[in-house]
Amino acid sequence: MSSTLQKAINETAKERKKLYDSLLLFTKVFYRLRTGKDFVLSHPICRESHFISITRELEAVVNCELDLLVINVAPRYGKTELLIHFIAWCLAKYPDSSFIYTSYTHSLAATQGAVIRDIMMLPEYKKLFFVDIDKASSAKHDFKTTEAGGLYSTGIDGTIIGRGAGLSGAYKRNRFGGAIIVDDAHKESEVCSDVMRQAVIDRYEGTLKSRRNDGFRTPIIFIGQCLHEDDLAAYLKREVEADTTGRKRMLSLPSLDEAQNALYPEKHTKDELLEMQETNPYVFAAQHQQNPQPAGGSLFKREWFGILEIDPEIITTFITCDTAETEKEYNDASVFSFWGVYKIKHGGFDTGMYGIHWLNCWELRVEPKDLYDEFMQFYYTCMKYKVKPHLAAIEKKSTGTTLGSSLEAIQGLQVLKLERTRASGSKADRFISIQRYISTGRVTLPTYGKHTEMCLDHCAKITANNTHRFDDIADTLYDAVKLALIDKTFINMSINPETEKSDKMLKEFAALHHHRKSLRRASTW
């Protein structure tokens, strides 16, 4: 063998050893080879880079020090990138190790599985580690090495019958044999649902844990946010806290530490994080601080609502309705809310943002047959305002559908029937989605309003886990914010409709309303 060849072999062996010894170095090298970009570490003030903290814990798993590792870190902070390279690194060191990789959807897990396979197909990987993927099982989400190791990627609720992770007897030989990895177990839009949340925990306990080929010695790695006080992350945290063996560990990385130093300033500066904390506290506490507020805490603070002595310059008005099925006191009420849209100005300057002014609100408990008459009285009151309502939004449910159909006969009033779908999320999801609009003062009420205190008191009781008794008024608030500030329905329409003198309209409207009431009374005789 020539000295040149021997030197090349020796250099390759040195490089291989360096990569074997450091997950972080492996990640830097193969991220660059795969993407053409540098893997840049975070540089927080007075804090260790979270990339270093996470890789150190993952290396402890490979060194057979841990059976359970729980890592909580904010979204988009590079956790999945580290996991992808972690699995490719492990298969380089132990080609016979087996992994199950799960996430909240199969497509997401399969996508990450494909990236792992792509890393292992790189010429540099093959040259350094002599690991080949078995051609008979080369699916992107499901592949094996020629040494019977491999990866199976699936959704948390996917089929894993006949699949296993780890290597039987590996722990007795003091070597790593693979792991079960859970990367973001919950969909953010479903974590507030008791049923959906418990289904994930049941899946973990009843299915995933039984897939360990080396019994409880096959390590389980969870990485993601703690989104709810009773989600899988919180469930595993309690397991770690109860552990007496020292083989279960938790690494919780808040985006802001006690000294308010940002964990990943290249992604979110201290000021940006503080703004998130102020404007969207529930989401910030969960996703960034890994400490979700008790779900019984109020989602809307009274001080977030602006109280105005003089109405702003209203551009257009509309009505939102939430109808109940019964008049009984222990059920939700029917609620009609009247809103005005206006441009927010500071110091006489147009900010380019819109706000909504809660002009009026009625909460009542009546029989469904009386909803039409009650709405007409509310509408008549709204028509006295200087800017007339041209739209009424009503949730598309039994009583709402009936009311909406009746109102379509009113000339000059557009009826918008709102349909709740699974994509809309739970009520908690919907209320959380409008939190930042309210916390930034874009919803105001008048000091003179009889409804003002009622609405403030009601909203202050709204919680994420539905410990509040009623949420009917908050439902009309959600619809108003969604229509006017999120979807900008009224801004995209002509928000300066042609106005007329209202006296004649009011008289005709009142006459029509009284005529209909007379006909209804006559029909009951």
Protein backbone atom coordinates (compact mmCIF):
# COMPACT_ATOMS: atom_id res chain seq x y z
CA MET A 1 0.00 0.00 0.00
CA SER A 2 1.41 3.38 -0.97
CA SER A 3 2.14 5.94 1.72
CA THR A 4 -0.28 8.38 0.04
CA LEU A 5 -3.15 5.91 0.25
CA GLN A 6 -2.30 5.01 3.83
CA LYS A 7 -2.26 8.70 4.75
CA ALA A 8 -5.68 9.19 3.15
CA ILE A 9 -7.06 6.21 5.10
CA ASN A 10 -5.63 7.57 8.33
CA GLU A 11 -7.11 11.02 7.70
CA THR A 12 -10.51 9.47 6.94
CA ALA A 13 -10.34 7.49 10.18
CA LYS A 14 -9.55 10.64 12.13
CA GLU A 15 -12.45 12.50 10.57
CA ARG A 16 -14.76 9.56 11.26
CA LYS A 17 -13.75 9.51 14.93
CA LYS A 18 -14.32 13.25 15.30
CA LEU A 19 -17.82 12.87 13.86
CA TYR A 20 -18.53 9.80 16.00
CA ASP A 21 -17.56 11.74 19.11
CA SER A 22 -19.67 14.86 18.50
CA LEU A 23 -23.31 15.06 17.42
CA LEU A 24 -22.95 18.81 17.08
CA LEU A 25 -19.98 18.51 14.72
CA PHE A 26 -21.81 15.85 12.71
CA THR A 27 -24.81 18.18 12.44
CA LYS A 28 -22.68 21.10 11.28
CA VAL A 29 -20.88 19.02 8.63
CA PHE A 30 -23.88 17.22 7.16
CA TYR A 31 -26.21 20.20 7.33
CA ARG A 32 -23.67 22.03 5.19
CA LEU A 33 -23.32 19.10 2.79
CA ARG A 34 -27.10 18.73 2.47
CA THR A 35 -28.18 22.37 2.22
CA GLY A 36 -25.09 24.28 1.18
CA LYS A 37 -25.57 26.55 4.20
CA ASP A 38 -23.79 26.82 7.52
CA PHE A 39 -25.44 25.50 10.66
CA VAL A 40 -25.15 28.56 12.88
CA LEU A 41 -25.23 28.19 16.65
CA SER A 42 -27.25 30.54 18.81
CA HIS A 43 -25.29 33.03 20.94
CA PRO A 44 -27.47 34.07 23.87
CA ILE A 45 -26.26 36.50 26.52
CA CYS A 46 -25.26 34.76 29.79
CA ARG A 47 -26.79 31.49 28.57
CA GLU A 48 -25.49 28.38 26.89
CA SER A 49 -26.48 27.86 23.26
CA HIS A 50 -29.58 25.66 23.26
CA PHE A 51 -28.06 23.62 20.43
CA ILE A 52 -25.22 22.62 22.78
CA SER A 53 -27.64 21.87 25.63
CA ILE A 54 -29.86 19.65 23.48
CA THR A 55 -27.05 17.72 21.77
CA ARG A 56 -25.43 17.01 25.13
CA GLU A 57 -28.63 15.39 26.39
CA LEU A 58 -29.07 13.40 23.18
CA GLU A 59 -25.52 12.13 23.49
CA ALA A 60 -26.36 10.98 27.04
CA VAL A 61 -29.11 8.81 25.56
CA VAL A 62 -26.65 7.19 23.14
CA ASN A 63 -24.24 6.62 26.02
CA CYS A 64 -26.98 4.52 27.71
CA GLU A 65 -27.38 6.97 30.59
CA LEU A 66 -31.10 7.68 30.08
CA ASP A 67 -34.29 5.72 29.46
CA LEU A 68 -36.48 8.81 29.06
CA LEU A 69 -35.48 12.27 27.84
CA VAL A 70 -38.02 15.10 27.70
CA ILE A 71 -36.95 18.31 25.95
CA ASN A 72 -39.19 21.38 25.92
CA VAL A 73 -38.19 24.18 23.56
CA ALA A 74 -40.05 26.77 21.47
CA PRO A 75 -41.16 26.04 17.89
CA ARG A 76 -38.85 26.96 15.01
CA TYR A 77 -35.79 26.76 17.29
CA GLY A 78 -34.05 23.99 15.32
CA LYS A 79 -35.17 21.02 17.41
CA THR A 80 -36.31 18.90 14.46
CA GLU A 81 -33.11 19.64 12.55
CA LEU A 82 -31.13 18.30 15.50
CA LEU A 83 -33.30 15.18 15.70
CA ILE A 84 -32.89 14.46 11.99
CA HIS A 85 -29.12 14.55 12.29
CA PHE A 86 -29.25 12.67 15.59
CA ILE A 87 -30.88 9.64 13.95
CA ALA A 88 -28.48 9.74 10.96
CA TRP A 89 -25.56 10.02 13.43
CA CYS A 90 -26.78 7.07 15.49
CA LEU A 91 -27.16 4.89 12.39
CA ALA A 92 -23.60 5.83 11.41
CA LYS A 93 -22.33 4.65 14.82
CA TYR A 94 -24.75 1.72 15.20
CA PRO A 95 -26.10 0.60 11.77
CA ASP A 96 -28.18 -2.13 13.42
CA SER A 97 -30.10 0.30 15.65
CA SER A 98 -33.82 0.76 15.02
CA PHE A 99 -35.93 3.89 15.40
CA ILE A 100 -39.60 4.80 15.45
CA TYR A 101 -40.08 8.50 14.71
CA THR A 102 -43.52 10.01 15.34
CA SER A 103 -45.10 13.42 15.03
CA TYR A 104 -48.67 14.71 15.14
CA THR A 105 -49.25 13.91 11.45
CA HIS A 106 -47.96 11.11 9.25
CA SER A 107 -47.01 13.53 6.46
CA LEU A 108 -44.80 15.57 8.77
CA ALA A 109 -43.07 12.48 10.18
CA ALA A 110 -42.63 11.03 6.68
CA THR A 111 -41.08 14.28 5.46
CA GLN A 112 -38.47 14.18 8.22
CA GLY A 113 -37.85 10.50 7.55
CA ALA A 114 -37.11 11.36 3.92
CA VAL A 115 -34.53 13.96 5.00
CA ILE A 116 -32.78 11.39 7.22
CA ARG A 117 -32.62 9.01 4.29
CA ASP A 118 -31.24 11.78 2.07
CA ILE A 119 -28.42 12.42 4.56
CA MET A 120 -27.55 8.73 4.60
CA MET A 121 -27.50 8.66 0.79
CA LEU A 122 -24.89 11.41 0.59
CA PRO A 123 -21.59 10.14 -0.90
CA GLU A 124 -19.67 11.60 2.03
CA TYR A 125 -21.81 9.68 4.52
CA LYS A 126 -21.29 6.39 2.70
CA LYS A 127 -17.57 7.00 2.34
CA LEU A 128 -17.08 7.77 6.02
CA PHE A 129 -19.38 5.25 7.67
CA PHE A 130 -19.83 2.32 5.24
CA VAL A 131 -23.58 2.23 5.93
CA ASP A 132 -25.90 1.19 3.11
CA ILE A 133 -29.68 1.31 2.90
CA ASP A 134 -31.27 -2.01 1.97
CA LYS A 135 -32.68 -1.60 -1.56
CA ALA A 136 -35.56 -3.90 -0.69
CA SER A 137 -36.87 -1.40 1.89
CA SER A 138 -35.96 2.03 0.62
CA ALA A 139 -39.23 3.90 1.16
CA LYS A 140 -38.53 7.42 2.34
CA HIS A 141 -40.47 7.02 5.58
CA ASP A 142 -39.65 3.34 6.11
CA PHE A 143 -36.22 1.96 5.37
CA LYS A 144 -33.68 -0.49 6.75
CA THR A 145 -29.91 -0.65 6.65
CA THR A 146 -28.16 -3.74 5.32
CA GLU A 147 -27.42 -4.56 8.97
CA ALA A 148 -31.14 -4.74 9.90
CA GLY A 149 -31.29 -1.36 11.58
CA GLY A 150 -33.47 1.43 10.23
CA LEU A 151 -36.22 3.96 10.66
CA TYR A 152 -40.00 3.90 10.57
CA SER A 153 -41.75 7.30 10.51
CA THR A 154 -45.46 7.71 11.24
CA GLY A 155 -48.06 9.95 12.78
CA ILE A 156 -48.76 9.65 16.48
CA ASP A 157 -52.02 7.89 15.60
CA GLY A 158 -50.53 5.84 12.76
CA THR A 159 -50.25 2.08 12.42
CA ILE A 160 -47.11 0.61 14.00
CA ILE A 161 -48.20 -3.02 14.32
CA GLY A 162 -45.20 -5.27 13.75
CA ARG A 163 -42.77 -2.37 14.21
CA GLY A 164 -40.25 -2.00 16.97
CA ALA A 165 -37.53 0.32 18.20
CA GLY A 166 -34.31 -0.57 19.97
CA LEU A 167 -32.30 -3.76 19.95
CA SER A 168 -33.04 -6.69 22.22
CA GLY A 169 -30.32 -7.16 24.84
CA ALA A 170 -28.50 -3.95 23.89
CA TYR A 171 -28.59 -2.54 27.43
CA LYS A 172 -26.97 -5.65 28.90
CA ARG A 173 -24.13 -5.18 26.42
CA ASN A 174 -23.93 -1.50 27.42
CA ARG A 175 -24.55 -0.28 23.93
CA PHE A 176 -27.18 1.81 22.18
CA GLY A 177 -29.72 0.05 19.97
CA GLY A 178 -32.18 2.74 18.85
CA ALA A 179 -35.05 4.76 20.32
CA ILE A 180 -38.64 5.89 20.08
CA ILE A 181 -38.78 9.58 19.23
CA VAL A 182 -41.83 11.78 19.67
CA ASP A 183 -41.45 15.15 17.94
CA ASP A 184 -44.42 17.52 18.55
CA ALA A 185 -47.09 15.05 19.64
CA HIS A 186 -50.02 17.50 19.66
CA LYS A 187 -51.54 19.68 17.01
CA GLU A 188 -51.69 23.18 18.42
CA SER A 189 -55.29 23.51 17.22
CA GLU A 190 -56.36 20.35 19.11
CA VAL A 191 -54.44 20.51 22.36
CA CYS A 192 -57.22 22.36 24.19
CA SER A 193 -59.61 19.49 23.48
CA ASP A 194 -59.75 17.09 26.44
CA VAL A 195 -60.66 14.23 24.11
CA MET A 196 -57.91 14.86 21.53
CA ARG A 197 -55.30 15.52 24.19
CA GLN A 198 -56.10 12.34 26.11
CA ALA A 199 -56.11 10.33 22.88
CA VAL A 200 -52.44 11.24 22.34
CA ILE A 201 -51.52 10.25 25.90
CA ASP A 202 -53.44 6.97 25.55
CA ARG A 203 -51.66 6.30 22.28
CA TYR A 204 -48.31 6.87 23.94
CA GLU A 205 -49.11 4.61 26.91
CA GLY A 206 -51.04 1.92 25.06
CA THR A 207 -49.10 1.63 21.81
CA LEU A 208 -45.78 3.44 21.58
CA LYS A 209 -44.32 2.14 24.84
CA SER A 210 -45.11 -1.44 23.83
CA ARG A 211 -42.92 -1.07 20.72
CA ARG A 212 -39.67 -1.17 22.72
CA ASN A 213 -37.57 -4.17 21.66
CA ASP A 214 -35.36 -3.97 24.77
CA GLY A 215 -38.17 -3.45 27.23
CA PHE A 216 -38.09 -0.27 29.26
CA ARG A 217 -34.38 0.08 28.45
CA THR A 218 -35.14 1.19 24.91
CA PRO A 219 -35.00 4.96 25.38
CA ILE A 220 -37.87 7.30 24.58
CA ILE A 221 -37.13 10.87 23.52
CA PHE A 222 -39.84 13.52 23.57
CA ILE A 223 -39.10 16.93 22.10
CA GLY A 224 -41.58 19.77 21.65
CA GLN A 225 -43.48 22.48 23.48
CA CYS A 226 -45.53 22.10 26.62
CA LEU A 227 -48.75 23.49 25.19
CA HIS A 228 -51.19 22.60 27.95
CA GLU A 229 -50.97 21.74 31.62
CA ASP A 230 -52.34 18.25 30.84
CA ASP A 231 -50.70 17.43 27.48
CA LEU A 232 -48.16 14.67 26.83
CA ALA A 233 -45.21 16.93 27.72
CA ALA A 234 -46.75 17.70 31.12
CA TYR A 235 -47.63 14.01 31.58
CA LEU A 236 -44.00 13.02 30.94
CA LYS A 237 -42.74 15.81 33.18
CA ARG A 238 -44.65 14.27 36.08
CA GLU A 239 -43.08 10.90 35.24
CA VAL A 240 -39.60 12.45 35.34
CA GLU A 241 -40.31 14.18 38.65
CA ALA A 242 -41.47 10.88 40.19
CA ASP A 243 -38.38 8.99 38.99
CA THR A 244 -35.94 7.70 41.64
CA THR A 245 -33.50 5.92 39.30
CA GLY A 246 -31.84 8.99 37.79
CA ARG A 247 -32.42 7.56 34.33
CA LYS A 248 -35.20 9.96 33.38
CA ARG A 249 -34.37 13.56 32.65
CA MET A 250 -36.07 16.74 31.52
CA LEU A 251 -34.51 19.71 29.76
CA SER A 252 -36.84 22.72 29.75
CA LEU A 253 -35.58 25.74 27.81
CA PRO A 254 -37.69 28.90 28.26
CA SER A 255 -37.21 31.49 25.54
CA LEU A 256 -36.73 34.13 28.26
CA ASP A 257 -34.84 33.25 31.42
CA GLU A 258 -35.35 34.88 34.83
CA ALA A 259 -32.95 37.68 33.87
CA GLN A 260 -34.91 38.16 30.64
CA ASN A 261 -32.08 36.92 28.44
CA ALA A 262 -33.31 35.53 25.12
CA LEU A 263 -32.50 31.89 24.40
CA TYR A 264 -32.22 32.34 20.63
CA PRO A 265 -31.71 36.06 19.98
CA GLU A 266 -30.99 35.41 16.31
CA LYS A 267 -34.59 34.17 16.02
CA HIS A 268 -36.38 36.28 18.65
CA THR A 269 -34.82 39.23 20.44
CA LYS A 270 -35.60 40.06 24.04
CA ASP A 271 -37.85 42.94 22.94
CA GLU A 272 -39.75 40.71 20.51
CA LEU A 273 -40.32 38.11 23.20
CA LEU A 274 -41.50 40.72 25.69
CA GLU A 275 -43.96 42.02 23.12
CA MET A 276 -45.29 38.49 22.57
CA GLN A 277 -45.63 38.10 26.32
CA GLU A 278 -47.66 41.28 26.51
CA THR A 279 -49.90 40.76 23.50
CA ASN A 280 -50.46 37.00 23.53
CA PRO A 281 -49.65 35.80 27.06
CA TYR A 282 -51.33 32.39 26.94
CA VAL A 283 -49.56 31.26 23.76
CA PHE A 284 -46.27 32.81 24.92
CA ALA A 285 -46.39 31.05 28.28
CA ALA A 286 -47.01 27.70 26.61
CA GLN A 287 -44.90 27.79 23.46
CA HIS A 288 -42.00 29.90 24.67
CA GLN A 289 -41.79 29.52 28.44
CA GLN A 290 -42.83 25.84 28.58
CA ASN A 291 -45.11 26.74 31.44
CA PRO A 292 -48.69 27.03 30.20
CA GLN A 293 -50.82 29.17 32.42
CA PRO A 294 -53.39 27.19 34.38
CA ALA A 295 -56.22 26.75 31.96
CA GLY A 296 -58.56 28.28 34.50
CA GLY A 297 -56.76 31.62 34.12
CA SER A 298 -58.65 34.30 32.23
CA LEU A 299 -57.90 34.64 28.53
CA PHE A 300 -59.10 38.26 28.42
CA LYS A 301 -58.08 40.87 30.97
CA ARG A 302 -60.47 43.72 31.70
CA GLU A 303 -57.73 46.31 31.25
CA TRP A 304 -57.13 45.19 27.66
CA PHE A 305 -60.45 46.66 26.55
CA GLY A 306 -60.33 50.38 25.84
CA ILE A 307 -63.12 52.41 27.45
CA LEU A 308 -63.96 55.54 25.47
CA GLU A 309 -65.95 58.55 26.64
CA ILE A 310 -66.62 59.62 23.06
CA ASP A 311 -67.34 57.22 20.21
CA PRO A 312 -64.61 57.07 17.56
CA GLU A 313 -65.38 58.04 13.98
CA ILE A 314 -67.34 54.97 12.94
CA ILE A 315 -67.02 53.93 9.28
CA THR A 316 -69.49 51.04 9.17
CA THR A 317 -71.49 48.94 11.62
CA PHE A 318 -72.63 45.33 11.84
CA ILE A 319 -74.31 42.85 14.18
CA THR A 320 -73.14 39.47 15.45
CA CYS A 321 -75.56 36.95 16.94
CA ASP A 322 -75.18 33.83 19.05
CA THR A 323 -78.47 31.99 19.48
CA ALA A 324 -79.31 29.42 22.17
CA GLU A 325 -81.63 26.44 21.95
CA THR A 326 -83.65 27.12 25.09
CA GLU A 327 -84.61 29.85 27.53
CA LYS A 328 -83.59 27.91 30.66
CA GLU A 329 -81.27 29.85 32.97
CA TYR A 330 -78.63 27.13 33.18
CA ASN A 331 -78.16 27.09 29.42
CA ASP A 332 -76.38 29.64 27.24
CA ALA A 333 -78.27 32.78 26.44
CA SER A 334 -78.96 34.28 23.04
CA VAL A 335 -76.81 37.36 22.46
CA PHE A 336 -76.95 40.20 19.95
CA SER A 337 -73.94 42.53 19.71
CA PHE A 338 -73.71 45.76 17.70
CA TRP A 339 -70.29 46.85 16.43
CA GLY A 340 -68.71 49.84 14.79
CA VAL A 341 -65.54 49.69 12.69
CA TYR A 342 -63.15 52.65 12.86
CA LYS A 343 -59.63 53.67 11.93
CA ILE A 344 -57.23 53.91 14.85
CA LYS A 345 -55.50 57.27 15.04
CA HIS A 346 -52.78 58.57 17.33
CA GLY A 347 -51.98 62.25 17.57
CA GLY A 348 -54.15 62.87 14.54
CA PHE A 349 -52.16 60.40 12.43
CA ASP A 350 -53.75 57.38 10.75
CA THR A 351 -52.04 54.21 12.05
CA GLY A 352 -53.31 52.09 9.17
CA MET A 353 -55.03 49.76 11.65
CA TYR A 354 -58.72 49.28 12.37
CA GLY A 355 -60.50 48.85 15.66
CA ILE A 356 -64.02 47.77 16.60
CA HIS A 357 -66.23 49.62 19.08
CA TRP A 358 -68.75 47.51 21.02
CA LEU A 359 -71.74 49.82 20.69
CA ASN A 360 -74.39 47.64 22.29
CA CYS A 361 -75.09 44.12 23.52
CA TRP A 362 -78.24 42.30 24.61
CA GLU A 363 -78.16 39.02 26.50
CA LEU A 364 -81.52 37.27 26.83
CA ARG A 365 -83.06 33.89 27.44
CA VAL A 366 -86.12 33.32 25.34
CA GLU A 367 -87.84 30.53 23.48
CA PRO A 368 -86.48 29.96 19.95
CA LYS A 369 -89.86 31.06 18.54
CA ASP A 370 -89.35 34.51 20.08
CA LEU A 371 -85.85 35.09 18.70
CA TYR A 372 -87.07 36.88 15.58
CA ASP A 373 -89.11 39.44 17.52
CA GLU A 374 -86.26 40.06 19.96
CA PHE A 375 -83.77 40.52 17.15
CA MET A 376 -86.08 42.96 15.40
CA GLN A 377 -86.28 45.07 18.54
CA PHE A 378 -82.49 45.04 18.81
CA TYR A 379 -82.15 45.90 15.12
CA TYR A 380 -84.61 48.77 15.48
CA THR A 381 -82.43 50.13 18.32
CA CYS A 382 -79.31 49.79 16.18
CA MET A 383 -80.98 51.62 13.29
CA LYS A 384 -81.22 54.71 15.50
CA TYR A 385 -77.44 54.97 15.49
CA LYS A 386 -75.94 57.51 13.07
CA VAL A 387 -74.27 54.74 11.02
CA LYS A 388 -76.79 52.02 10.16
CA PRO A 389 -75.91 48.32 10.28
CA HIS A 390 -75.85 46.63 6.87
CA LEU A 391 -74.87 43.12 7.93
CA ALA A 392 -75.86 40.56 10.57
CA ALA A 393 -73.61 37.53 11.16
CA ILE A 394 -75.28 34.49 12.72
CA GLU A 395 -73.79 31.10 13.55
CA LYS A 396 -75.21 28.40 11.32
CA LYS A 397 -76.93 26.11 13.81
CA SER A 398 -80.58 25.13 14.23
CA THR A 399 -81.97 28.30 15.83
CA GLY A 400 -79.44 30.51 14.07
CA THR A 401 -80.33 29.06 10.67
CA THR A 402 -84.01 29.65 11.29
CA LEU A 403 -83.42 33.23 12.44
CA GLY A 404 -81.08 33.94 9.53
CA SER A 405 -83.61 32.71 7.00
CA SER A 406 -86.28 34.96 8.51
CA LEU A 407 -84.02 38.00 8.40
CA GLU A 408 -83.20 37.59 4.72
CA ALA A 409 -86.50 39.28 3.92
CA ILE A 410 -85.30 42.57 5.46
CA GLN A 411 -84.38 44.94 2.67
CA GLY A 412 -80.93 46.48 3.07
CA LEU A 413 -79.66 43.89 5.57
CA GLN A 414 -77.17 41.28 4.43
CA VAL A 415 -77.29 38.06 6.47
CA LEU A 416 -74.03 36.15 6.82
CA LYS A 417 -74.38 32.60 8.12
CA LEU A 418 -71.21 31.51 9.94
CA GLU A 419 -70.32 27.84 9.89
CA ARG A 420 -68.09 26.27 12.52
CA THR A 421 -65.91 23.47 11.16
CA ARG A 422 -63.18 21.30 12.63
CA ALA A 423 -60.68 23.61 10.97
CA SER A 424 -62.07 26.44 13.10
CA GLY A 425 -60.71 24.67 16.16
CA SER A 426 -62.26 24.42 19.61
CA LYS A 427 -63.76 27.40 21.40
CA ALA A 428 -60.56 27.77 23.38
CA ASP A 429 -58.56 27.86 20.13
CA ARG A 430 -60.85 30.53 18.72
CA PHE A 431 -60.69 32.68 21.85
CA ILE A 432 -56.90 32.36 22.02
CA SER A 433 -56.65 33.41 18.36
CA ILE A 434 -58.25 36.81 19.10
CA GLN A 435 -56.32 37.41 22.33
CA ARG A 436 -53.64 39.56 20.70
CA TYR A 437 -56.20 41.83 19.04
CA ILE A 438 -57.84 42.56 22.36
CA SER A 439 -54.59 42.87 24.32
CA THR A 440 -53.39 45.57 21.91
CA GLY A 441 -56.48 47.72 22.54
CA ARG A 442 -58.26 47.14 19.25
CA VAL A 443 -61.59 46.40 20.91
CA THR A 444 -63.21 49.30 22.76
CA LEU A 445 -66.46 49.99 24.62
CA PRO A 446 -68.30 53.20 25.51
CA THR A 447 -68.39 54.54 29.06
CA TYR A 448 -72.10 55.30 28.64
CA GLY A 449 -73.07 51.76 27.58
CA LYS A 450 -75.36 49.79 29.86
CA HIS A 451 -73.78 46.69 28.39
CA THR A 452 -70.15 47.70 29.06
CA GLU A 453 -69.77 46.28 32.57
CA MET A 454 -71.72 43.14 31.65
CA CYS A 455 -69.40 42.46 28.69
CA LEU A 456 -66.21 43.15 30.65
CA ASP A 457 -67.29 40.92 33.52
CA HIS A 458 -68.27 38.14 31.12
CA CYS A 459 -64.99 38.24 29.15
CA ALA A 460 -62.87 38.27 32.32
CA LYS A 461 -64.33 34.84 33.20
CA ILE A 462 -63.43 33.12 29.92
CA THR A 463 -60.85 30.34 30.39
CA ALA A 464 -59.06 27.91 28.10
CA ASN A 465 -60.48 24.79 29.74
CA ASN A 466 -64.08 25.98 29.84
CA THR A 467 -64.32 26.40 33.60
CA HIS A 468 -66.49 29.45 32.88
CA ARG A 469 -70.23 28.88 32.95
CA PHE A 470 -71.25 30.88 29.86
CA ASP A 471 -69.42 32.07 26.75
CA ASP A 472 -72.27 33.39 24.60
CA ILE A 473 -71.17 37.03 24.74
CA ALA A 474 -67.58 36.01 24.01
CA ASP A 475 -68.80 34.09 20.96
CA THR A 476 -70.18 37.31 19.46
CA LEU A 477 -66.88 39.01 20.31
CA TYR A 478 -64.91 36.31 18.49
CA ASP A 479 -67.08 36.61 15.38
CA ALA A 480 -66.69 40.40 15.37
CA VAL A 481 -62.89 40.28 15.66
CA LYS A 482 -62.66 37.52 13.05
CA LEU A 483 -64.83 39.35 10.54
CA ALA A 484 -63.54 42.89 11.00
CA LEU A 485 -59.91 42.53 12.12
CA ILE A 486 -58.69 39.11 10.99
CA ASP A 487 -60.58 38.41 7.76
CA LYS A 488 -61.23 42.16 7.27
CA THR A 489 -64.59 41.41 5.71
CA PHE A 490 -65.80 44.99 6.08
CA ILE A 491 -62.53 46.58 5.03
CA ASN A 492 -62.40 44.55 1.83
CA MET A 493 -66.00 45.48 1.10
CA SER A 494 -67.07 49.07 0.54
CA ILE A 495 -66.80 50.36 4.09
CA ASN A 496 -68.40 53.69 3.24
CA PRO A 497 -71.85 52.64 2.03
CA GLU A 498 -74.13 55.28 0.70
CA THR A 499 -76.16 56.77 3.56
CA GLU A 500 -79.57 58.34 3.52
CA LYS A 501 -81.81 60.18 5.90
CA SER A 502 -83.18 57.59 8.27
CA ASP A 503 -86.56 58.94 9.35
CA LYS A 504 -88.54 57.45 6.48
CA MET A 505 -86.62 54.15 6.71
CA LEU A 506 -87.26 53.86 10.43
CA LYS A 507 -90.98 54.50 10.02
CA GLU A 508 -91.28 51.94 7.22
CA PHE A 509 -89.26 49.44 9.19
CA ALA A 510 -91.31 49.94 12.35
CA ALA A 511 -94.55 49.63 10.42
CA LEU A 512 -93.36 46.41 8.79
CA HIS A 513 -92.29 45.00 12.14
CA HIS A 514 -95.62 45.80 13.82
CA HIS A 515 -97.51 44.39 10.85
CA ARG A 516 -95.65 41.10 11.13
CA LYS A 517 -96.32 40.92 14.86
CA SER A 518 -100.04 41.52 14.22
CA LEU A 519 -100.14 38.72 11.67
CA ARG A 520 -98.43 36.35 14.10
CA ARG A 521 -100.88 37.18 16.86
CA ALA A 522 -103.79 36.69 14.48
CA SER A 523 -102.49 33.26 13.48
CA THR A 524 -102.61 32.10 17.13
CA TRP A 525 -106.27 33.07 17.65
